Amino acid sequence: MLRQAYAESLEPYHSWILRQTFTVFLSAVPSYESLLRLLSPGLGDVEREAVVLNDVRIYIYIYIYIYVYIYMYMYICSPPDWAT
């Protein structure tokens, strides 16, 4: 899946050396199942994916909250030229 996404989106714009580097990178990436096992040791197969996806969802919500907070802080402290 990762290889196909790369081939369709970025590979046409990369040089030979970048394509080879990405190929080496892909060989180090674990499979989806292996990644789930690494992120959730001790869980059974049935609940593993649900727990990991829920953790990722929480991480994304927290990341968005922090991003918006930083953006608003920067906007308040230094408004753009058109706002003054």
PDB file of N, CA and C in Angstrom:
ATOM      1  N   MET A   1       0.822  -1.176   0.000  1.00  0.00           N
ATOM      2  CA  MET A   1       0.000   0.000   0.000  1.00  0.00           C
ATOM      3  C   MET A   1       0.882   1.261   0.000  1.00  0.00           C
ATOM      4  N   LEU A   2       1.894   1.283   0.843  1.00  0.00           N
ATOM      5  CA  LEU A   2       2.787   2.438   0.927  1.00  0.00           C
ATOM      6  C   LEU A   2       3.559   2.611  -0.372  1.00  0.00           C
ATOM      7  N   ARG A   3       4.019   1.523  -0.931  1.00  0.00           N
ATOM      8  CA  ARG A   3       4.767   1.570  -2.194  1.00  0.00           C
ATOM      9  C   ARG A   3       3.891   2.106  -3.322  1.00  0.00           C
ATOM     10  N   GLN A   4       2.655   1.672  -3.372  1.00  0.00           N
ATOM     11  CA  GLN A   4       1.734   2.118  -4.415  1.00  0.00           C
ATOM     12  C   GLN A   4       1.429   3.608  -4.275  1.00  0.00           C
ATOM     13  N   ALA A   5       1.208   4.071  -3.048  1.00  0.00           N
ATOM     14  CA  ALA A   5       0.941   5.492  -2.820  1.00  0.00           C
ATOM     15  C   ALA A   5       2.135   6.336  -3.256  1.00  0.00           C
ATOM     16  N   TYR A   6       3.339   5.886  -2.937  1.00  0.00           N
ATOM     17  CA  TYR A   6       4.545   6.598  -3.345  1.00  0.00           C
ATOM     18  C   TYR A   6       4.660   6.627  -4.871  1.00  0.00           C
ATOM     19  N   ALA A   7       4.441   5.484  -5.487  1.00  0.00           N
ATOM     20  CA  ALA A   7       4.579   5.388  -6.942  1.00  0.00           C
ATOM     21  C   ALA A   7       3.595   6.309  -7.667  1.00  0.00           C
ATOM     22  N   GLU A   8       2.409   6.454  -7.123  1.00  0.00           N
ATOM     23  CA  GLU A   8       1.393   7.274  -7.778  1.00  0.00           C
ATOM     24  C   GLU A   8       1.555   8.766  -7.503  1.00  0.00           C
ATOM     25  N   SER A   9       2.150   9.119  -6.385  1.00  0.00           N
ATOM     26  CA  SER A   9       2.174  10.537  -6.026  1.00  0.00           C
ATOM     27  C   SER A   9       3.535  11.204  -6.158  1.00  0.00           C
ATOM     28  N   LEU A  10       4.590  10.619  -5.645  1.00  0.00           N
ATOM     29  CA  LEU A  10       5.881  11.305  -5.581  1.00  0.00           C
ATOM     30  C   LEU A  10       6.958  10.759  -6.510  1.00  0.00           C
ATOM     31  N   GLU A  11       6.901   9.498  -6.790  1.00  0.00           N
ATOM     32  CA  GLU A  11       7.974   8.869  -7.565  1.00  0.00           C
ATOM     33  C   GLU A  11       8.264   9.565  -8.903  1.00  0.00           C
ATOM     34  N   PRO A  12       7.259  10.006  -9.644  1.00  0.00           N
ATOM     35  CA  PRO A  12       7.555  10.664 -10.924  1.00  0.00           C
ATOM     36  C   PRO A  12       8.410  11.937 -10.783  1.00  0.00           C
ATOM     37  N   TYR A  13       8.412  12.533  -9.615  1.00  0.00           N
ATOM     38  CA  TYR A  13       9.141  13.775  -9.402  1.00  0.00           C
ATOM     39  C   TYR A  13      10.500  13.578  -8.731  1.00  0.00           C
ATOM     40  N   HIS A  14      10.826  12.355  -8.370  1.00  0.00           N
ATOM     41  CA  HIS A  14      12.082  12.085  -7.676  1.00  0.00           C
ATOM     42  C   HIS A  14      13.156  11.554  -8.622  1.00  0.00           C
ATOM     43  N   SER A  15      14.365  11.865  -8.287  1.00  0.00           N
ATOM     44  CA  SER A  15      15.501  11.355  -9.054  1.00  0.00           C
ATOM     45  C   SER A  15      15.714   9.876  -8.725  1.00  0.00           C
ATOM     46  N   TRP A  16      16.621   9.258  -9.450  1.00  0.00           N
ATOM     47  CA  TRP A  16      16.907   7.842  -9.233  1.00  0.00           C
ATOM     48  C   TRP A  16      17.375   7.591  -7.801  1.00  0.00           C
ATOM     49  N   ILE A  17      18.241   8.448  -7.275  1.00  0.00           N
ATOM     50  CA  ILE A  17      18.787   8.231  -5.932  1.00  0.00           C
ATOM     51  C   ILE A  17      17.695   8.347  -4.871  1.00  0.00           C
ATOM     52  N   LEU A  18      16.762   9.277  -5.037  1.00  0.00           N
ATOM     53  CA  LEU A  18      15.652   9.380  -4.082  1.00  0.00           C
ATOM     54  C   LEU A  18      14.734   8.164  -4.155  1.00  0.00           C
ATOM     55  N   ARG A  19      14.501   7.667  -5.361  1.00  0.00           N
ATOM     56  CA  ARG A  19      13.671   6.465  -5.489  1.00  0.00           C
ATOM     57  C   ARG A  19      14.332   5.277  -4.813  1.00  0.00           C
ATOM     58  N   GLN A  20      15.645   5.145  -4.957  1.00  0.00           N
ATOM     59  CA  GLN A  20      16.359   4.052  -4.305  1.00  0.00           C
ATOM     60  C   GLN A  20      16.352   4.206  -2.788  1.00  0.00           C
ATOM     61  N   THR A  21      16.494   5.440  -2.328  1.00  0.00           N
ATOM     62  CA  THR A  21      16.442   5.702  -0.884  1.00  0.00           C
ATOM     63  C   THR A  21      15.085   5.313  -0.322  1.00  0.00           C
ATOM     64  N   PHE A  22      14.037   5.639  -1.035  1.00  0.00           N
ATOM     65  CA  PHE A  22      12.698   5.272  -0.574  1.00  0.00           C
ATOM     66  C   PHE A  22      12.518   3.759  -0.555  1.00  0.00           C
ATOM     67  N   THR A  23      13.094   3.077  -1.532  1.00  0.00           N
ATOM     68  CA  THR A  23      13.020   1.617  -1.553  1.00  0.00           C
ATOM     69  C   THR A  23      13.689   1.022  -0.317  1.00  0.00           C
ATOM     70  N   VAL A  24      14.836   1.565   0.075  1.00  0.00           N
ATOM     71  CA  VAL A  24      15.508   1.110   1.298  1.00  0.00           C
ATOM     72  C   VAL A  24      14.640   1.417   2.513  1.00  0.00           C
ATOM     73  N   PHE A  25      14.053   2.596   2.539  1.00  0.00           N
ATOM     74  CA  PHE A  25      13.157   2.969   3.632  1.00  0.00           C
ATOM     75  C   PHE A  25      12.002   1.980   3.754  1.00  0.00           C
ATOM     76  N   LEU A  26      11.420   1.595   2.620  1.00  0.00           N
ATOM     77  CA  LEU A  26      10.291   0.660   2.645  1.00  0.00           C
ATOM     78  C   LEU A  26      10.675  -0.688   3.238  1.00  0.00           C
ATOM     79  N   SER A  27      11.908  -1.104   3.033  1.00  0.00           N
ATOM     80  CA  SER A  27      12.311  -2.399   3.575  1.00  0.00           C
ATOM     81  C   SER A  27      12.399  -2.374   5.094  1.00  0.00           C
ATOM     82  N   ALA A  28      12.498  -1.174   5.691  1.00  0.00           N
ATOM     83  CA  ALA A  28      12.580  -1.060   7.144  1.00  0.00           C
ATOM     84  C   ALA A  28      11.226  -0.845   7.801  1.00  0.00           C
ATOM     85  N   VAL A  29      10.201  -0.568   7.017  1.00  0.00           N
ATOM     86  CA  VAL A  29       8.867  -0.305   7.558  1.00  0.00           C
ATOM     87  C   VAL A  29       8.189  -1.631   7.889  1.00  0.00           C
ATOM     88  N   PRO A  30       7.664  -1.772   9.116  1.00  0.00           N
ATOM     89  CA  PRO A  30       6.987  -3.029   9.461  1.00  0.00           C
ATOM     90  C   PRO A  30       5.632  -3.133   8.768  1.00  0.00           C
ATOM     91  N   SER A  31       5.138  -4.344   8.669  1.00  0.00           N
ATOM     92  CA  SER A  31       3.807  -4.541   8.101  1.00  0.00           C
ATOM     93  C   SER A  31       2.762  -3.969   9.062  1.00  0.00           C
ATOM     94  N   TYR A  32       1.558  -3.811   8.570  1.00  0.00           N
ATOM     95  CA  TYR A  32       0.482  -3.250   9.392  1.00  0.00           C
ATOM     96  C   TYR A  32       0.252  -4.102  10.643  1.00  0.00           C
ATOM     97  N   GLU A  33       0.225  -5.403  10.468  1.00  0.00           N
ATOM     98  CA  GLU A  33      -0.001  -6.302  11.603  1.00  0.00           C
ATOM     99  C   GLU A  33       1.147  -6.217  12.611  1.00  0.00           C
ATOM    100  N   SER A  34       2.381  -6.162  12.115  1.00  0.00           N
ATOM    101  CA  SER A  34       3.536  -6.043  13.013  1.00  0.00           C
ATOM    102  C   SER A  34       3.511  -4.722  13.768  1.00  0.00           C
ATOM    103  N   LEU A  35       3.123  -3.658  13.082  1.00  0.00           N
ATOM    104  CA  LEU A  35       3.026  -2.357  13.726  1.00  0.00           C
ATOM    105  C   LEU A  35       1.982  -2.364  14.834  1.00  0.00           C
ATOM    106  N   LEU A  36       0.842  -2.995  14.575  1.00  0.00           N
ATOM    107  CA  LEU A  36      -0.188  -3.099  15.608  1.00  0.00           C
ATOM    108  C   LEU A  36       0.323  -3.871  16.818  1.00  0.00           C
ATOM    109  N   ARG A  37       1.049  -4.960  16.575  1.00  0.00           N
ATOM    110  CA  ARG A  37       1.591  -5.742  17.694  1.00  0.00           C
ATOM    111  C   ARG A  37       2.613  -4.936  18.488  1.00  0.00           C
ATOM    112  N   LEU A  38       3.420  -4.115  17.790  1.00  0.00           N
ATOM    113  CA  LEU A  38       4.409  -3.286  18.490  1.00  0.00           C
ATOM    114  C   LEU A  38       3.750  -2.196  19.322  1.00  0.00           C
ATOM    115  N   LEU A  39       2.656  -1.644  18.832  1.00  0.00           N
ATOM    116  CA  LEU A  39       1.982  -0.551  19.532  1.00  0.00           C
ATOM    117  C   LEU A  39       1.055  -1.022  20.639  1.00  0.00           C
ATOM    118  N   SER A  40       0.708  -2.294  20.627  1.00  0.00           N
ATOM    119  CA  SER A  40      -0.229  -2.791  21.637  1.00  0.00           C
ATOM    120  C   SER A  40       0.174  -4.175  22.124  1.00  0.00           C
ATOM    121  N   PRO A  41       1.299  -4.270  22.812  1.00  0.00           N
ATOM    122  CA  PRO A  41       1.714  -5.593  23.307  1.00  0.00           C
ATOM    123  C   PRO A  41       0.749  -6.109  24.375  1.00  0.00           C
ATOM    124  N   GLY A  42       0.530  -7.382  24.357  1.00  0.00           N
ATOM    125  CA  GLY A  42      -0.313  -8.000  25.370  1.00  0.00           C
ATOM    126  C   GLY A  42      -1.793  -8.024  25.041  1.00  0.00           C
ATOM    127  N   LEU A  43      -2.201  -7.421  23.950  1.00  0.00           N
ATOM    128  CA  LEU A  43      -3.612  -7.434  23.583  1.00  0.00           C
ATOM    129  C   LEU A  43      -3.878  -8.552  22.591  1.00  0.00           C
ATOM    130  N   GLY A  44      -5.101  -9.043  22.606  1.00  0.00           N
ATOM    131  CA  GLY A  44      -5.501 -10.069  21.653  1.00  0.00           C
ATOM    132  C   GLY A  44      -5.758  -9.477  20.287  1.00  0.00           C
ATOM    133  N   ASP A  45      -5.829 -10.352  19.296  1.00  0.00           N
ATOM    134  CA  ASP A  45      -6.025  -9.901  17.920  1.00  0.00           C
ATOM    135  C   ASP A  45      -7.335  -9.138  17.741  1.00  0.00           C
ATOM    136  N   VAL A  46      -8.352  -9.517  18.483  1.00  0.00           N
ATOM    137  CA  VAL A  46      -9.671  -8.906  18.311  1.00  0.00           C
ATOM    138  C   VAL A  46      -9.671  -7.442  18.737  1.00  0.00           C
ATOM    139  N   GLU A  47      -9.074  -7.145  19.863  1.00  0.00           N
ATOM    140  CA  GLU A  47      -9.147  -5.777  20.384  1.00  0.00           C
ATOM    141  C   GLU A  47      -7.956  -4.906  19.981  1.00  0.00           C
ATOM    142  N   ARG A  48      -6.925  -5.489  19.427  1.00  0.00           N
ATOM    143  CA  ARG A  48      -5.690  -4.760  19.118  1.00  0.00           C
ATOM    144  C   ARG A  48      -5.928  -3.565  18.204  1.00  0.00           C
ATOM    145  N   GLU A  49      -6.573  -3.773  17.074  1.00  0.00           N
ATOM    146  CA  GLU A  49      -6.765  -2.689  16.119  1.00  0.00           C
ATOM    147  C   GLU A  49      -7.648  -1.591  16.694  1.00  0.00           C
ATOM    148  N   ALA A  50      -8.697  -1.949  17.406  1.00  0.00           N
ATOM    149  CA  ALA A  50      -9.589  -0.941  17.980  1.00  0.00           C
ATOM    150  C   ALA A  50      -8.859  -0.071  18.997  1.00  0.00           C
ATOM    151  N   VAL A  51      -8.037  -0.674  19.828  1.00  0.00           N
ATOM    152  CA  VAL A  51      -7.298   0.083  20.842  1.00  0.00           C
ATOM    153  C   VAL A  51      -6.294   1.020  20.178  1.00  0.00           C
ATOM    154  N   VAL A  52      -5.552   0.525  19.213  1.00  0.00           N
ATOM    155  CA  VAL A  52      -4.550   1.361  18.546  1.00  0.00           C
ATOM    156  C   VAL A  52      -5.218   2.505  17.792  1.00  0.00           C
ATOM    157  N   LEU A  53      -6.279   2.221  17.062  1.00  0.00           N
ATOM    158  CA  LEU A  53      -6.965   3.281  16.317  1.00  0.00           C
ATOM    159  C   LEU A  53      -7.570   4.321  17.252  1.00  0.00           C
ATOM    160  N   ASN A  54      -8.068   3.902  18.386  1.00  0.00           N
ATOM    161  CA  ASN A  54      -8.584   4.859  19.369  1.00  0.00           C
ATOM    162  C   ASN A  54      -7.451   5.731  19.912  1.00  0.00           C
ATOM    163  N   ASP A  55      -6.298   5.131  20.199  1.00  0.00           N
ATOM    164  CA  ASP A  55      -5.150   5.914  20.668  1.00  0.00           C
ATOM    165  C   ASP A  55      -4.705   6.927  19.615  1.00  0.00           C
ATOM    166  N   VAL A  56      -4.698   6.515  18.357  1.00  0.00           N
ATOM    167  CA  VAL A  56      -4.324   7.429  17.277  1.00  0.00           C
ATOM    168  C   VAL A  56      -5.335   8.563  17.170  1.00  0.00           C
ATOM    169  N   ARG A  57      -6.606   8.244  17.300  1.00  0.00           N
ATOM    170  CA  ARG A  57      -7.658   9.261  17.250  1.00  0.00           C
ATOM    171  C   ARG A  57      -7.462  10.289  18.363  1.00  0.00           C
ATOM    172  N   ILE A  58      -7.157   9.833  19.572  1.00  0.00           N
ATOM    173  CA  ILE A  58      -6.914  10.744  20.692  1.00  0.00           C
ATOM    174  C   ILE A  58      -5.698  11.614  20.404  1.00  0.00           C
ATOM    175  N   TYR A  59      -4.632  11.021  19.883  1.00  0.00           N
ATOM    176  CA  TYR A  59      -3.431  11.777  19.543  1.00  0.00           C
ATOM    177  C   TYR A  59      -3.749  12.874  18.524  1.00  0.00           C
ATOM    178  N   ILE A  60      -4.541  12.546  17.514  1.00  0.00           N
ATOM    179  CA  ILE A  60      -4.880  13.535  16.483  1.00  0.00           C
ATOM    180  C   ILE A  60      -5.698  14.672  17.088  1.00  0.00           C
ATOM    181  N   TYR A  61      -6.666  14.369  17.951  1.00  0.00           N
ATOM    182  CA  TYR A  61      -7.455  15.425  18.592  1.00  0.00           C
ATOM    183  C   TYR A  61      -6.563  16.347  19.419  1.00  0.00           C
ATOM    184  N   ILE A  62      -5.649  15.761  20.173  1.00  0.00           N
ATOM    185  CA  ILE A  62      -4.741  16.575  20.994  1.00  0.00           C
ATOM    186  C   ILE A  62      -3.837  17.411  20.096  1.00  0.00           C
ATOM    187  N   TYR A  63      -3.323  16.824  19.027  1.00  0.00           N
ATOM    188  CA  TYR A  63      -2.464  17.554  18.101  1.00  0.00           C
ATOM    189  C   TYR A  63      -3.212  18.741  17.494  1.00  0.00           C
ATOM    190  N   ILE A  64      -4.448  18.540  17.060  1.00  0.00           N
ATOM    191  CA  ILE A  64      -5.232  19.632  16.479  1.00  0.00           C
ATOM    192  C   ILE A  64      -5.465  20.728  17.507  1.00  0.00           C
ATOM    193  N   TYR A  65      -5.786  20.354  18.728  1.00  0.00           N
ATOM    194  CA  TYR A  65      -6.010  21.344  19.782  1.00  0.00           C
ATOM    195  C   TYR A  65      -4.749  22.181  20.009  1.00  0.00           C
ATOM    196  N   ILE A  66      -3.602  21.524  20.101  1.00  0.00           N
ATOM    197  CA  ILE A  66      -2.342  22.247  20.317  1.00  0.00           C
ATOM    198  C   ILE A  66      -2.021  23.131  19.114  1.00  0.00           C
ATOM    199  N   TYR A  67      -2.239  22.628  17.914  1.00  0.00           N
ATOM    200  CA  TYR A  67      -1.979  23.404  16.706  1.00  0.00           C
ATOM    201  C   TYR A  67      -2.838  24.671  16.676  1.00  0.00           C
ATOM    202  N   VAL A  68      -4.120  24.531  16.955  1.00  0.00           N
ATOM    203  CA  VAL A  68      -5.018  25.686  16.953  1.00  0.00           C
ATOM    204  C   VAL A  68      -4.614  26.668  18.045  1.00  0.00           C
ATOM    205  N   TYR A  69      -4.259  26.166  19.202  1.00  0.00           N
ATOM    206  CA  TYR A  69      -3.837  27.033  20.302  1.00  0.00           C
ATOM    207  C   TYR A  69      -2.596  27.839  19.909  1.00  0.00           C
ATOM    208  N   ILE A  70      -1.606  27.182  19.323  1.00  0.00           N
ATOM    209  CA  ILE A  70      -0.383  27.876  18.899  1.00  0.00           C
ATOM    210  C   ILE A  70      -0.700  28.877  17.796  1.00  0.00           C
ATOM    211  N   TYR A  71      -1.531  28.475  16.850  1.00  0.00           N
ATOM    212  CA  TYR A  71      -1.903  29.378  15.763  1.00  0.00           C
ATOM    213  C   TYR A  71      -2.593  30.620  16.315  1.00  0.00           C
ATOM    214  N   MET A  72      -3.537  30.429  17.226  1.00  0.00           N
ATOM    215  CA  MET A  72      -4.247  31.579  17.806  1.00  0.00           C
ATOM    216  C   MET A  72      -3.297  32.459  18.615  1.00  0.00           C
ATOM    217  N   TYR A  73      -2.393  31.868  19.349  1.00  0.00           N
ATOM    218  CA  TYR A  73      -1.418  32.637  20.120  1.00  0.00           C
ATOM    219  C   TYR A  73      -0.551  33.480  19.195  1.00  0.00           C
ATOM    220  N   MET A  74      -0.084  32.870  18.106  1.00  0.00           N
ATOM    221  CA  MET A  74       0.751  33.613  17.169  1.00  0.00           C
ATOM    222  C   MET A  74      -0.043  34.719  16.486  1.00  0.00           C
ATOM    223  N   TYR A  75      -1.293  34.472  16.188  1.00  0.00           N
ATOM    224  CA  TYR A  75      -2.126  35.472  15.532  1.00  0.00           C
ATOM    225  C   TYR A  75      -2.376  36.650  16.465  1.00  0.00           C
ATOM    226  N   ILE A  76      -2.618  36.375  17.732  1.00  0.00           N
ATOM    227  CA  ILE A  76      -2.875  37.444  18.706  1.00  0.00           C
ATOM    228  C   ILE A  76      -1.609  38.250  18.965  1.00  0.00           C
ATOM    229  N   CYS A  77      -0.478  37.569  19.068  1.00  0.00           N
ATOM    230  CA  CYS A  77       0.781  38.261  19.377  1.00  0.00           C
ATOM    231  C   CYS A  77       1.334  39.029  18.186  1.00  0.00           C
ATOM    232  N   SER A  78       1.130  38.540  17.010  1.00  0.00           N
ATOM    233  CA  SER A  78       1.626  39.261  15.828  1.00  0.00           C
ATOM    234  C   SER A  78       0.600  39.130  14.701  1.00  0.00           C
ATOM    235  N   PRO A  79      -0.419  39.990  14.727  1.00  0.00           N
ATOM    236  CA  PRO A  79      -1.449  39.913  13.681  1.00  0.00           C
ATOM    237  C   PRO A  79      -0.865  40.261  12.324  1.00  0.00           C
ATOM    238  N   PRO A  80      -1.457  39.762  11.263  1.00  0.00           N
ATOM    239  CA  PRO A  80      -0.966  40.076   9.924  1.00  0.00           C
ATOM    240  C   PRO A  80      -1.134  41.562   9.614  1.00  0.00           C
ATOM    241  N   ASP A  81      -0.449  42.031   8.600  1.00  0.00           N
ATOM    242  CA  ASP A  81      -0.468  43.448   8.256  1.00  0.00           C
ATOM    243  C   ASP A  81      -1.870  43.966   7.973  1.00  0.00           C
ATOM    244  N   TRP A  82      -2.694  43.153   7.338  1.00  0.00           N
ATOM    245  CA  TRP A  82      -4.032  43.616   6.974  1.00  0.00           C
ATOM    246  C   TRP A  82      -4.932  43.776   8.184  1.00  0.00           C
ATOM    247  N   ALA A  83      -4.566  43.182   9.320  1.00  0.00           N
ATOM    248  CA  ALA A  83      -5.406  43.262  10.522  1.00  0.00           C
ATOM    249  C   ALA A  83      -5.104  44.498  11.363  1.00  0.00           C
ATOM    250  N   THR A  84      -4.073  45.241  11.041  1.00  0.00           N
ATOM    251  CA  THR A  84      -3.733  46.411  11.840  1.00  0.00           C
ATOM    252  C   THR A  84      -4.238  47.677  11.226  1.00  0.00           C
TER     253      THR A  84
END
